[in-house]
PDB file of all heavy atoms in Angstrom:
ATOM      1  N   LEU A   1     -47.724 -11.234  36.063  1.00  0.00           N
ATOM      2  CA  LEU A   1     -46.450 -10.577  35.777  1.00  0.00           C
ATOM      3  C   LEU A   1     -45.333 -11.596  35.638  1.00  0.00           C
ATOM      4  O   LEU A   1     -44.474 -11.502  34.757  1.00  0.00           O
ATOM      5  CB  LEU A   1     -46.121  -9.571  36.882  1.00  0.00           C
ATOM      6  CG  LEU A   1     -46.964  -8.287  36.904  1.00  0.00           C
ATOM      7  CD1 LEU A   1     -46.624  -7.447  38.127  1.00  0.00           C
ATOM      8  CD2 LEU A   1     -46.738  -7.480  35.632  1.00  0.00           C
ATOM      9  N   ALA A   2     -45.348 -12.580  36.546  1.00  0.00           N
ATOM     10  CA  ALA A   2     -44.313 -13.619  36.487  1.00  0.00           C
ATOM     11  C   ALA A   2     -44.402 -14.391  35.180  1.00  0.00           C
ATOM     12  O   ALA A   2     -43.378 -14.731  34.580  1.00  0.00           O
ATOM     13  CB  ALA A   2     -44.449 -14.560  37.670  1.00  0.00           C
ATOM     14  N   ALA A   3     -45.638 -14.637  34.720  1.00  0.00           N
ATOM     15  CA  ALA A   3     -45.808 -15.357  33.458  1.00  0.00           C
ATOM     16  C   ALA A   3     -45.299 -14.551  32.284  1.00  0.00           C
ATOM     17  O   ALA A   3     -44.775 -15.094  31.307  1.00  0.00           O
ATOM     18  CB  ALA A   3     -47.286 -15.714  33.267  1.00  0.00           C
ATOM     19  N   GLN A   4     -45.453 -13.208  32.368  1.00  0.00           N
ATOM     20  CA  GLN A   4     -44.973 -12.360  31.278  1.00  0.00           C
ATOM     21  C   GLN A   4     -43.459 -12.222  31.279  1.00  0.00           C
ATOM     22  O   GLN A   4     -42.831 -12.115  30.228  1.00  0.00           O
ATOM     23  CB  GLN A   4     -45.624 -10.973  31.385  1.00  0.00           C
ATOM     24  CG  GLN A   4     -47.121 -10.988  31.131  1.00  0.00           C
ATOM     25  CD  GLN A   4     -47.761  -9.626  31.358  1.00  0.00           C
ATOM     26  OE1 GLN A   4     -47.146  -8.726  31.932  1.00  0.00           O
ATOM     27  NE2 GLN A   4     -49.010  -9.477  30.927  1.00  0.00           N
ATOM     28  N   VAL A   5     -42.867 -12.224  32.477  1.00  0.00           N
ATOM     29  CA  VAL A   5     -41.424 -12.029  32.587  1.00  0.00           C
ATOM     30  C   VAL A   5     -40.658 -13.323  32.385  1.00  0.00           C
ATOM     31  O   VAL A   5     -39.535 -13.319  31.870  1.00  0.00           O
ATOM     32  CB  VAL A   5     -41.078 -11.401  33.959  1.00  0.00           C
ATOM     33  CG1 VAL A   5     -39.569 -11.375  34.183  1.00  0.00           C
ATOM     34  CG2 VAL A   5     -41.664 -10.006  34.066  1.00  0.00           C
ATOM     35  N   ARG A   6     -41.261 -14.442  32.769  1.00  0.00           N
ATOM     36  CA  ARG A   6     -40.554 -15.724  32.783  1.00  0.00           C
ATOM     37  C   ARG A   6     -39.891 -16.071  31.455  1.00  0.00           C
ATOM     38  O   ARG A   6     -38.746 -16.536  31.440  1.00  0.00           O
ATOM     39  CB  ARG A   6     -41.506 -16.845  33.210  1.00  0.00           C
ATOM     40  CG  ARG A   6     -40.788 -18.179  33.492  1.00  0.00           C
ATOM     41  CD  ARG A   6     -41.769 -19.231  34.009  1.00  0.00           C
ATOM     42  NE  ARG A   6     -42.361 -18.840  35.273  1.00  0.00           N
ATOM     43  CZ  ARG A   6     -43.648 -18.544  35.432  1.00  0.00           C
ATOM     44  NH1 ARG A   6     -44.483 -18.582  34.379  1.00  0.00           N
ATOM     45  NH2 ARG A   6     -44.114 -18.205  36.620  1.00  0.00           N
ATOM     46  N   PRO A   7     -40.522 -15.837  30.286  1.00  0.00           N
ATOM     47  CA  PRO A   7     -39.845 -16.188  29.026  1.00  0.00           C
ATOM     48  C   PRO A   7     -38.539 -15.430  28.794  1.00  0.00           C
ATOM     49  O   PRO A   7     -37.677 -15.885  28.056  1.00  0.00           O
ATOM     50  CB  PRO A   7     -40.893 -15.834  27.961  1.00  0.00           C
ATOM     51  CG  PRO A   7     -42.201 -15.875  28.681  1.00  0.00           C
ATOM     52  CD  PRO A   7     -41.907 -15.398  30.058  1.00  0.00           C
ATOM     53  N   TYR A   8     -38.419 -14.246  29.419  1.00  0.00           N
ATOM     54  CA  TYR A   8     -37.220 -13.436  29.204  1.00  0.00           C
ATOM     55  C   TYR A   8     -36.176 -13.632  30.300  1.00  0.00           C
ATOM     56  O   TYR A   8     -35.103 -13.029  30.230  1.00  0.00           O
ATOM     57  CB  TYR A   8     -37.600 -11.953  29.132  1.00  0.00           C
ATOM     58  CG  TYR A   8     -38.630 -11.661  28.070  1.00  0.00           C
ATOM     59  CD1 TYR A   8     -39.968 -11.475  28.407  1.00  0.00           C
ATOM     60  CD2 TYR A   8     -38.269 -11.594  26.726  1.00  0.00           C
ATOM     61  CE1 TYR A   8     -40.916 -11.219  27.427  1.00  0.00           C
ATOM     62  CE2 TYR A   8     -39.211 -11.336  25.742  1.00  0.00           C
ATOM     63  CZ  TYR A   8     -40.533 -11.146  26.105  1.00  0.00           C
ATOM     64  OH  TYR A   8     -41.469 -10.897  25.130  1.00  0.00           O
ATOM     65  N   ALA A   9     -36.493 -14.439  31.288  1.00  0.00           N
ATOM     66  CA  ALA A   9     -35.561 -14.644  32.397  1.00  0.00           C
ATOM     67  C   ALA A   9     -34.214 -15.202  31.932  1.00  0.00           C
ATOM     68  O   ALA A   9     -33.159 -14.736  32.395  1.00  0.00           O
ATOM     69  CB  ALA A   9     -36.185 -15.551  33.454  1.00  0.00           C
ATOM     70  N   PRO A  10     -34.179 -16.185  31.024  1.00  0.00           N
ATOM     71  CA  PRO A  10     -32.866 -16.661  30.558  1.00  0.00           C
ATOM     72  C   PRO A  10     -32.064 -15.576  29.845  1.00  0.00           C
ATOM     73  O   PRO A  10     -30.842 -15.494  30.022  1.00  0.00           O
ATOM     74  CB  PRO A  10     -33.227 -17.795  29.592  1.00  0.00           C
ATOM     75  CG  PRO A  10     -34.583 -18.261  30.027  1.00  0.00           C
ATOM     76  CD  PRO A  10     -35.273 -17.021  30.493  1.00  0.00           C
ATOM     77  N   ASP A  11     -32.743 -14.730  29.067  1.00  0.00           N
ATOM     78  CA  ASP A  11     -32.038 -13.621  28.410  1.00  0.00           C
ATOM     79  C   ASP A  11     -31.440 -12.673  29.442  1.00  0.00           C
ATOM     80  O   ASP A  11     -30.290 -12.240  29.321  1.00  0.00           O
ATOM     81  CB  ASP A  11     -32.988 -12.843  27.502  1.00  0.00           C
ATOM     82  CG  ASP A  11     -33.495 -13.682  26.333  1.00  0.00           C
ATOM     83  OD1 ASP A  11     -32.755 -14.579  25.897  1.00  0.00           O
ATOM     84  OD2 ASP A  11     -34.621 -13.433  25.879  1.00  0.00           O
ATOM     85  N   LEU A  12     -32.229 -12.360  30.460  1.00  0.00           N
ATOM     86  CA  LEU A  12     -31.746 -11.481  31.517  1.00  0.00           C
ATOM     87  C   LEU A  12     -30.561 -12.100  32.238  1.00  0.00           C
ATOM     88  O   LEU A  12     -29.573 -11.415  32.549  1.00  0.00           O
ATOM     89  CB  LEU A  12     -32.874 -11.186  32.506  1.00  0.00           C
ATOM     90  CG  LEU A  12     -32.497 -10.322  33.720  1.00  0.00           C
ATOM     91  CD1 LEU A  12     -32.007  -8.957  33.269  1.00  0.00           C
ATOM     92  CD2 LEU A  12     -33.693 -10.192  34.666  1.00  0.00           C
ATOM     93  N   ALA A  13     -30.625 -13.397  32.484  1.00  0.00           N
ATOM     94  CA  ALA A  13     -29.528 -14.075  33.178  1.00  0.00           C
ATOM     95  C   ALA A  13     -28.239 -14.012  32.363  1.00  0.00           C
ATOM     96  O   ALA A  13     -27.155 -13.756  32.904  1.00  0.00           O
ATOM     97  CB  ALA A  13     -29.908 -15.532  33.459  1.00  0.00           C
ATOM     98  N   ILE A  14     -28.357 -14.214  31.053  1.00  0.00           N
ATOM     99  CA  ILE A  14     -27.166 -14.161  30.195  1.00  0.00           C
ATOM    100  C   ILE A  14     -26.598 -12.740  30.171  1.00  0.00           C
ATOM    101  O   ILE A  14     -25.376 -12.553  30.224  1.00  0.00           O
ATOM    102  CB  ILE A  14     -27.519 -14.655  28.780  1.00  0.00           C
ATOM    103  CG1 ILE A  14     -27.800 -16.151  28.819  1.00  0.00           C
ATOM    104  CG2 ILE A  14     -26.387 -14.342  27.799  1.00  0.00           C
ATOM    105  CD1 ILE A  14     -28.310 -16.733  27.512  1.00  0.00           C
ATOM    106  N   CYS A  15     -27.478 -11.745  30.120  1.00  0.00           N
ATOM    107  CA  CYS A  15     -27.000 -10.353  30.143  1.00  0.00           C
ATOM    108  C   CYS A  15     -26.276 -10.052  31.452  1.00  0.00           C
ATOM    109  O   CYS A  15     -25.240  -9.366  31.463  1.00  0.00           O
ATOM    110  CB  CYS A  15     -28.174  -9.398  29.956  1.00  0.00           C
ATOM    111  SG  CYS A  15     -28.922  -9.453  28.302  1.00  0.00           S
ATOM    112  N   LEU A  16     -26.790 -10.560  32.547  1.00  0.00           N
ATOM    113  CA  LEU A  16     -26.140 -10.347  33.847  1.00  0.00           C
ATOM    114  C   LEU A  16     -24.783 -11.044  33.906  1.00  0.00           C
ATOM    115  O   LEU A  16     -23.842 -10.548  34.543  1.00  0.00           O
ATOM    116  CB  LEU A  16     -27.044 -10.833  34.978  1.00  0.00           C
ATOM    117  CG  LEU A  16     -28.315 -10.008  35.209  1.00  0.00           C
ATOM    118  CD1 LEU A  16     -29.182 -10.643  36.288  1.00  0.00           C
ATOM    119  CD2 LEU A  16     -27.962  -8.571  35.584  1.00  0.00           C
ATOM    120  N   VAL A  17     -24.676 -12.184  33.232  1.00  0.00           N
ATOM    121  CA  VAL A  17     -23.372 -12.859  33.156  1.00  0.00           C
ATOM    122  C   VAL A  17     -22.368 -11.974  32.436  1.00  0.00           C
ATOM    123  O   VAL A  17     -21.209 -11.837  32.857  1.00  0.00           O
ATOM    124  CB  VAL A  17     -23.510 -14.228  32.449  1.00  0.00           C
ATOM    125  CG1 VAL A  17     -22.135 -14.800  32.108  1.00  0.00           C
ATOM    126  CG2 VAL A  17     -24.268 -15.204  33.337  1.00  0.00           C
ATOM    127  N   PHE A  18     -22.799 -11.352  31.353  1.00  0.00           N
ATOM    128  CA  PHE A  18     -21.899 -10.443  30.622  1.00  0.00           C
ATOM    129  C   PHE A  18     -21.506  -9.244  31.478  1.00  0.00           C
ATOM    130  O   PHE A  18     -20.351  -8.796  31.452  1.00  0.00           O
ATOM    131  CB  PHE A  18     -22.567  -9.972  29.330  1.00  0.00           C
ATOM    132  CG  PHE A  18     -22.699 -11.039  28.276  1.00  0.00           C
ATOM    133  CD1 PHE A  18     -23.806 -11.078  27.441  1.00  0.00           C
ATOM    134  CD2 PHE A  18     -21.715 -12.009  28.123  1.00  0.00           C
ATOM    135  CE1 PHE A  18     -23.925 -12.054  26.461  1.00  0.00           C
ATOM    136  CE2 PHE A  18     -21.826 -12.987  27.145  1.00  0.00           C
ATOM    137  CZ  PHE A  18     -22.935 -13.010  26.320  1.00  0.00           C
ATOM    138  N   VAL A  19     -22.451  -8.703  32.238  1.00  0.00           N
ATOM    139  CA  VAL A  19     -22.137  -7.583  33.127  1.00  0.00           C
ATOM    140  C   VAL A  19     -21.131  -8.013  34.185  1.00  0.00           C
ATOM    141  O   VAL A  19     -20.164  -7.296  34.486  1.00  0.00           O
ATOM    142  CB  VAL A  19     -23.423  -7.042  33.778  1.00  0.00           C
ATOM    143  CG1 VAL A  19     -23.092  -6.010  34.854  1.00  0.00           C
ATOM    144  CG2 VAL A  19     -24.337  -6.423  32.723  1.00  0.00           C
ATOM    145  N   ALA A  20     -21.341  -9.209  34.745  1.00  0.00           N
ATOM    146  CA  ALA A  20     -20.410  -9.712  35.758  1.00  0.00           C
ATOM    147  C   ALA A  20     -19.028  -9.949  35.158  1.00  0.00           C
ATOM    148  O   ALA A  20     -18.003  -9.666  35.801  1.00  0.00           O
ATOM    149  CB  ALA A  20     -20.955 -11.003  36.365  1.00  0.00           C
ATOM    150  N   LEU A  21     -18.980 -10.461  33.928  1.00  0.00           N
ATOM    151  CA  LEU A  21     -17.696 -10.700  33.277  1.00  0.00           C
ATOM    152  C   LEU A  21     -16.977  -9.382  33.002  1.00  0.00           C
ATOM    153  O   LEU A  21     -15.749  -9.288  33.167  1.00  0.00           O
ATOM    154  CB  LEU A  21     -17.920 -11.473  31.976  1.00  0.00           C
ATOM    155  CG  LEU A  21     -16.673 -11.939  31.217  1.00  0.00           C
ATOM    156  CD1 LEU A  21     -15.750 -12.748  32.123  1.00  0.00           C
ATOM    157  CD2 LEU A  21     -17.063 -12.753  29.990  1.00  0.00           C
ATOM    158  N   ALA A  22     -17.723  -8.355  32.607  1.00  0.00           N
ATOM    159  CA  ALA A  22     -17.118  -7.039  32.401  1.00  0.00           C
ATOM    160  C   ALA A  22     -16.569  -6.494  33.719  1.00  0.00           C
ATOM    161  O   ALA A  22     -15.493  -5.876  33.753  1.00  0.00           O
ATOM    162  CB  ALA A  22     -18.142  -6.071  31.811  1.00  0.00           C
ATOM    163  N   GLY A  23     -17.318  -6.723  34.803  1.00  0.00           N
ATOM    164  CA  GLY A  23     -16.828  -6.318  36.107  1.00  0.00           C
ATOM    165  C   GLY A  23     -15.560  -7.058  36.497  1.00  0.00           C
ATOM    166  O   GLY A  23     -14.647  -6.478  37.107  1.00  0.00           O
ATOM    167  N   TRP A  24     -15.477  -8.327  36.136  1.00  0.00           N
ATOM    168  CA  TRP A  24     -14.282  -9.127  36.414  1.00  0.00           C
ATOM    169  C   TRP A  24     -13.066  -8.575  35.673  1.00  0.00           C
ATOM    170  O   TRP A  24     -11.982  -8.429  36.243  1.00  0.00           O
ATOM    171  CB  TRP A  24     -14.548 -10.581  36.024  1.00  0.00           C
ATOM    172  CG  TRP A  24     -13.348 -11.416  35.711  1.00  0.00           C
ATOM    173  CD1 TRP A  24     -12.880 -11.750  34.474  1.00  0.00           C
ATOM    174  CD2 TRP A  24     -12.459 -12.037  36.650  1.00  0.00           C
ATOM    175  NE1 TRP A  24     -11.765 -12.533  34.575  1.00  0.00           N
ATOM    176  CE2 TRP A  24     -11.473 -12.737  35.898  1.00  0.00           C
ATOM    177  CE3 TRP A  24     -12.388 -12.078  38.030  1.00  0.00           C
ATOM    178  CZ2 TRP A  24     -10.450 -13.446  36.495  1.00  0.00           C
ATOM    179  CZ3 TRP A  24     -11.363 -12.792  38.628  1.00  0.00           C
ATOM    180  CH2 TRP A  24     -10.415 -13.463  37.863  1.00  0.00           C
ATOM    181  N   VAL A  25     -13.242  -8.254  34.402  1.00  0.00           N
ATOM    182  CA  VAL A  25     -12.123  -7.769  33.592  1.00  0.00           C
ATOM    183  C   VAL A  25     -11.619  -6.416  34.101  1.00  0.00           C
ATOM    184  O   VAL A  25     -10.415  -6.149  34.098  1.00  0.00           O
ATOM    185  CB  VAL A  25     -12.537  -7.672  32.107  1.00  0.00           C
ATOM    186  CG1 VAL A  25     -11.449  -7.002  31.280  1.00  0.00           C
ATOM    187  CG2 VAL A  25     -12.823  -9.060  31.547  1.00  0.00           C
ATOM    188  N   THR A  26     -12.530  -5.557  34.542  1.00  0.00           N
ATOM    189  CA  THR A  26     -12.148  -4.192  34.943  1.00  0.00           C
ATOM    190  C   THR A  26     -12.131  -4.005  36.455  1.00  0.00           C
ATOM    191  O   THR A  26     -12.044  -2.871  36.929  1.00  0.00           O
ATOM    192  CB  THR A  26     -13.119  -3.166  34.327  1.00  0.00           C
ATOM    193  OG1 THR A  26     -14.450  -3.421  34.796  1.00  0.00           O
ATOM    194  CG2 THR A  26     -13.095  -3.237  32.809  1.00  0.00           C
ATOM    195  N   HIS A  27     -12.175  -5.099  37.220  1.00  0.00           N
ATOM    196  CA  HIS A  27     -12.362  -4.941  38.665  1.00  0.00           C
ATOM    197  C   HIS A  27     -11.170  -4.269  39.343  1.00  0.00           C
ATOM    198  O   HIS A  27     -11.289  -3.751  40.449  1.00  0.00           O
ATOM    199  CB  HIS A  27     -12.653  -6.293  39.327  1.00  0.00           C
ATOM    200  CG  HIS A  27     -11.439  -7.115  39.634  1.00  0.00           C
ATOM    201  ND1 HIS A  27     -10.975  -8.101  38.797  1.00  0.00           N
ATOM    202  CD2 HIS A  27     -10.587  -7.092  40.694  1.00  0.00           C
ATOM    203  CE1 HIS A  27      -9.891  -8.657  39.326  1.00  0.00           C
ATOM    204  NE2 HIS A  27      -9.638  -8.063  40.474  1.00  0.00           N
ATOM    205  N   GLY A  28     -10.009  -4.220  38.678  1.00  0.00           N
ATOM    206  CA  GLY A  28      -8.858  -3.554  39.268  1.00  0.00           C
ATOM    207  C   GLY A  28      -9.061  -2.061  39.440  1.00  0.00           C
ATOM    208  O   GLY A  28      -8.373  -1.428  40.244  1.00  0.00           O
ATOM    209  N   LEU A  29     -10.001  -1.483  38.665  1.00  0.00           N
ATOM    210  CA  LEU A  29     -10.300  -0.059  38.795  1.00  0.00           C
ATOM    211  C   LEU A  29     -11.267   0.222  39.943  1.00  0.00           C
ATOM    212  O   LEU A  29     -11.460   1.380  40.326  1.00  0.00           O
ATOM    213  CB  LEU A  29     -10.892   0.484  37.498  1.00  0.00           C
ATOM    214  CG  LEU A  29      -9.968   0.480  36.276  1.00  0.00           C
ATOM    215  CD1 LEU A  29     -10.744   0.905  35.032  1.00  0.00           C
ATOM    216  CD2 LEU A  29      -8.774   1.391  36.489  1.00  0.00           C
ATOM    217  N   TRP A  30     -11.883  -0.833  40.479  1.00  0.00           N
ATOM    218  CA  TRP A  30     -12.885  -0.666  41.529  1.00  0.00           C
ATOM    219  C   TRP A  30     -12.329  -1.209  42.840  1.00  0.00           C
ATOM    220  O   TRP A  30     -11.468  -2.073  42.834  1.00  0.00           O
ATOM    221  CB  TRP A  30     -14.179  -1.400  41.157  1.00  0.00           C
ATOM    222  CG  TRP A  30     -14.763  -0.912  39.879  1.00  0.00           C
ATOM    223  CD1 TRP A  30     -14.622  -1.468  38.648  1.00  0.00           C
ATOM    224  CD2 TRP A  30     -15.570   0.259  39.698  1.00  0.00           C
ATOM    225  NE1 TRP A  30     -15.287  -0.740  37.694  1.00  0.00           N
ATOM    226  CE2 TRP A  30     -15.881   0.327  38.313  1.00  0.00           C
ATOM    227  CE3 TRP A  30     -16.071   1.238  40.554  1.00  0.00           C
ATOM    228  CZ2 TRP A  30     -16.656   1.343  37.784  1.00  0.00           C
ATOM    229  CZ3 TRP A  30     -16.848   2.237  40.013  1.00  0.00           C
ATOM    230  CH2 TRP A  30     -17.134   2.289  38.650  1.00  0.00           C
ATOM    231  N   PRO A  31     -12.802  -0.757  43.982  1.00  0.00           N
ATOM    232  CA  PRO A  31     -13.898   0.200  44.183  1.00  0.00           C
ATOM    233  C   PRO A  31     -13.432   1.648  44.278  1.00  0.00           C
ATOM    234  O   PRO A  31     -14.184   2.510  44.725  1.00  0.00           O
ATOM    235  CB  PRO A  31     -14.475  -0.247  45.531  1.00  0.00           C
ATOM    236  CG  PRO A  31     -13.284  -0.746  46.278  1.00  0.00           C
ATOM    237  CD  PRO A  31     -12.390  -1.390  45.246  1.00  0.00           C
ATOM    238  N   ASP A  32     -12.202   1.934  43.847  1.00  0.00           N
ATOM    239  CA  ASP A  32     -11.647   3.288  43.967  1.00  0.00           C
ATOM    240  C   ASP A  32     -11.060   3.728  42.636  1.00  0.00           C
ATOM    241  O   ASP A  32      -9.848   3.754  42.459  1.00  0.00           O
ATOM    242  CB  ASP A  32     -10.575   3.321  45.059  1.00  0.00           C
ATOM    243  CG  ASP A  32     -10.001   4.716  45.267  1.00  0.00           C
ATOM    244  OD1 ASP A  32     -10.681   5.693  44.872  1.00  0.00           O
ATOM    245  OD2 ASP A  32      -8.883   4.839  45.800  1.00  0.00           O
ATOM    246  N   PRO A  33     -11.912   4.088  41.647  1.00  0.00           N
ATOM    247  CA  PRO A  33     -11.382   4.517  40.341  1.00  0.00           C
ATOM    248  C   PRO A  33     -10.454   5.719  40.443  1.00  0.00           C
ATOM    249  O   PRO A  33      -9.516   5.851  39.654  1.00  0.00           O
ATOM    250  CB  PRO A  33     -12.649   4.863  39.546  1.00  0.00           C
ATOM    251  CG  PRO A  33     -13.747   4.126  40.223  1.00  0.00           C
ATOM    252  CD  PRO A  33     -13.374   4.090  41.668  1.00  0.00           C
ATOM    253  N   GLY A  34     -10.696   6.590  41.416  1.00  0.00           N
ATOM    254  CA  GLY A  34      -9.839   7.749  41.576  1.00  0.00           C
ATOM    255  C   GLY A  34      -8.458   7.416  42.107  1.00  0.00           C
ATOM    256  O   GLY A  34      -7.535   8.232  42.002  1.00  0.00           O
ATOM    257  N   GLY A  35      -8.314   6.220  42.658  1.00  0.00           N
ATOM    258  CA  GLY A  35      -7.025   5.813  43.198  1.00  0.00           C
ATOM    259  C   GLY A  35      -6.333   4.737  42.389  1.00  0.00           C
ATOM    260  O   GLY A  35      -5.237   4.298  42.763  1.00  0.00           O
ATOM    261  N   ARG A  36      -6.974   4.275  41.310  1.00  0.00           N
ATOM    262  CA  ARG A  36      -6.407   3.210  40.496  1.00  0.00           C
ATOM    263  C   ARG A  36      -6.343   3.656  39.043  1.00  0.00           C
ATOM    264  O   ARG A  36      -7.115   4.515  38.595  1.00  0.00           O
ATOM    265  CB  ARG A  36      -7.252   1.931  40.588  1.00  0.00           C
ATOM    266  CG  ARG A  36      -7.458   1.407  41.989  1.00  0.00           C
ATOM    267  CD  ARG A  36      -6.161   0.862  42.574  1.00  0.00           C
ATOM    268  NE  ARG A  36      -5.729  -0.338  41.871  1.00  0.00           N
ATOM    269  CZ  ARG A  36      -4.570  -0.968  42.115  1.00  0.00           C
ATOM    270  NH1 ARG A  36      -3.732  -0.470  43.012  1.00  0.00           N
ATOM    271  NH2 ARG A  36      -4.248  -2.048  41.461  1.00  0.00           N
ATOM    272  N   VAL A  37      -5.422   3.057  38.290  1.00  0.00           N
ATOM    273  CA  VAL A  37      -5.255   3.392  36.880  1.00  0.00           C
ATOM    274  C   VAL A  37      -4.787   2.145  36.144  1.00  0.00           C
ATOM    275  O   VAL A  37      -4.170   1.259  36.738  1.00  0.00           O
ATOM    276  CB  VAL A  37      -4.233   4.543  36.715  1.00  0.00           C
ATOM    277  CG1 VAL A  37      -2.842   4.092  37.111  1.00  0.00           C
ATOM    278  CG2 VAL A  37      -4.235   5.099  35.300  1.00  0.00           C
ATOM    279  N   LEU A  38      -5.121   2.047  34.855  1.00  0.00           N
ATOM    280  CA  LEU A  38      -4.669   0.909  34.057  1.00  0.00           C
ATOM    281  C   LEU A  38      -3.150   0.934  33.965  1.00  0.00           C
ATOM    282  O   LEU A  38      -2.558   1.930  33.559  1.00  0.00           O
ATOM    283  CB  LEU A  38      -5.294   0.972  32.661  1.00  0.00           C
ATOM    284  CG  LEU A  38      -6.812   0.773  32.606  1.00  0.00           C
ATOM    285  CD1 LEU A  38      -7.335   1.032  31.203  1.00  0.00           C
ATOM    286  CD2 LEU A  38      -7.199  -0.626  33.063  1.00  0.00           C
ATOM    287  N   ALA A  39      -2.536  -0.188  34.334  1.00  0.00           N
ATOM    288  CA  ALA A  39      -1.076  -0.218  34.465  1.00  0.00           C
ATOM    289  C   ALA A  39      -0.364  -0.273  33.118  1.00  0.00           C
ATOM    290  O   ALA A  39       0.771   0.193  33.004  1.00  0.00           O
ATOM    291  CB  ALA A  39      -0.650  -1.412  35.317  1.00  0.00           C
ATOM    292  N   LEU A  40      -1.015  -0.854  32.088  1.00  0.00           N
ATOM    293  CA  LEU A  40      -0.322  -1.078  30.830  1.00  0.00           C
ATOM    294  C   LEU A  40      -0.384   0.115  29.882  1.00  0.00           C
ATOM    295  O   LEU A  40       0.396   0.187  28.938  1.00  0.00           O
ATOM    296  CB  LEU A  40      -0.915  -2.314  30.129  1.00  0.00           C
ATOM    297  CG  LEU A  40      -0.799  -3.625  30.909  1.00  0.00           C
ATOM    298  CD1 LEU A  40      -1.424  -4.768  30.109  1.00  0.00           C
ATOM    299  CD2 LEU A  40       0.651  -3.938  31.237  1.00  0.00           C
ATOM    300  N   ASN A  41      -1.302   1.041  30.126  1.00  0.00           N
ATOM    301  CA  ASN A  41      -1.451   2.172  29.210  1.00  0.00           C
ATOM    302  C   ASN A  41      -1.967   3.409  29.941  1.00  0.00           C
ATOM    303  O   ASN A  41      -2.983   4.002  29.546  1.00  0.00           O
ATOM    304  CB  ASN A  41      -2.418   1.791  28.076  1.00  0.00           C
ATOM    305  CG  ASN A  41      -2.131   2.549  26.794  1.00  0.00           C
ATOM    306  OD1 ASN A  41      -1.186   3.320  26.715  1.00  0.00           O
ATOM    307  ND2 ASN A  41      -2.965   2.347  25.791  1.00  0.00           N
ATOM    308  N   PRO A  42      -1.286   3.849  31.003  1.00  0.00           N
ATOM    309  CA  PRO A  42      -1.796   4.992  31.780  1.00  0.00           C
ATOM    310  C   PRO A  42      -1.784   6.298  30.996  1.00  0.00           C
ATOM    311  O   PRO A  42      -2.579   7.195  31.279  1.00  0.00           O
ATOM    312  CB  PRO A  42      -0.846   5.042  32.982  1.00  0.00           C
ATOM    313  CG  PRO A  42       0.418   4.402  32.502  1.00  0.00           C
ATOM    314  CD  PRO A  42      -0.016   3.328  31.542  1.00  0.00           C
ATOM    315  N   GLU A  43      -0.884   6.416  29.997  1.00  0.00           N
ATOM    316  CA  GLU A  43      -0.849   7.653  29.213  1.00  0.00           C
ATOM    317  C   GLU A  43      -2.158   7.855  28.465  1.00  0.00           C
ATOM    318  O   GLU A  43      -2.733   8.957  28.468  1.00  0.00           O
ATOM    319  CB  GLU A  43       0.316   7.617  28.219  1.00  0.00           C
ATOM    320  CG  GLU A  43       1.694   7.542  28.862  1.00  0.00           C
ATOM    321  CD  GLU A  43       2.122   6.104  29.136  1.00  0.00           C
ATOM    322  OE1 GLU A  43       1.299   5.182  28.903  1.00  0.00           O
ATOM    323  OE2 GLU A  43       3.264   5.896  29.572  1.00  0.00           O
TER     324      GLU A  43
END
């Protein structure tokens, strides 16, 4: 299984970087989306 997954590990790592970056950009809404709102365009 490790041999089958290993070739795709770098792809998975890059995808996780993108997920983490998306979390960084939107982290102001977390961990309480019901209590936070985008400040520049709440309408």
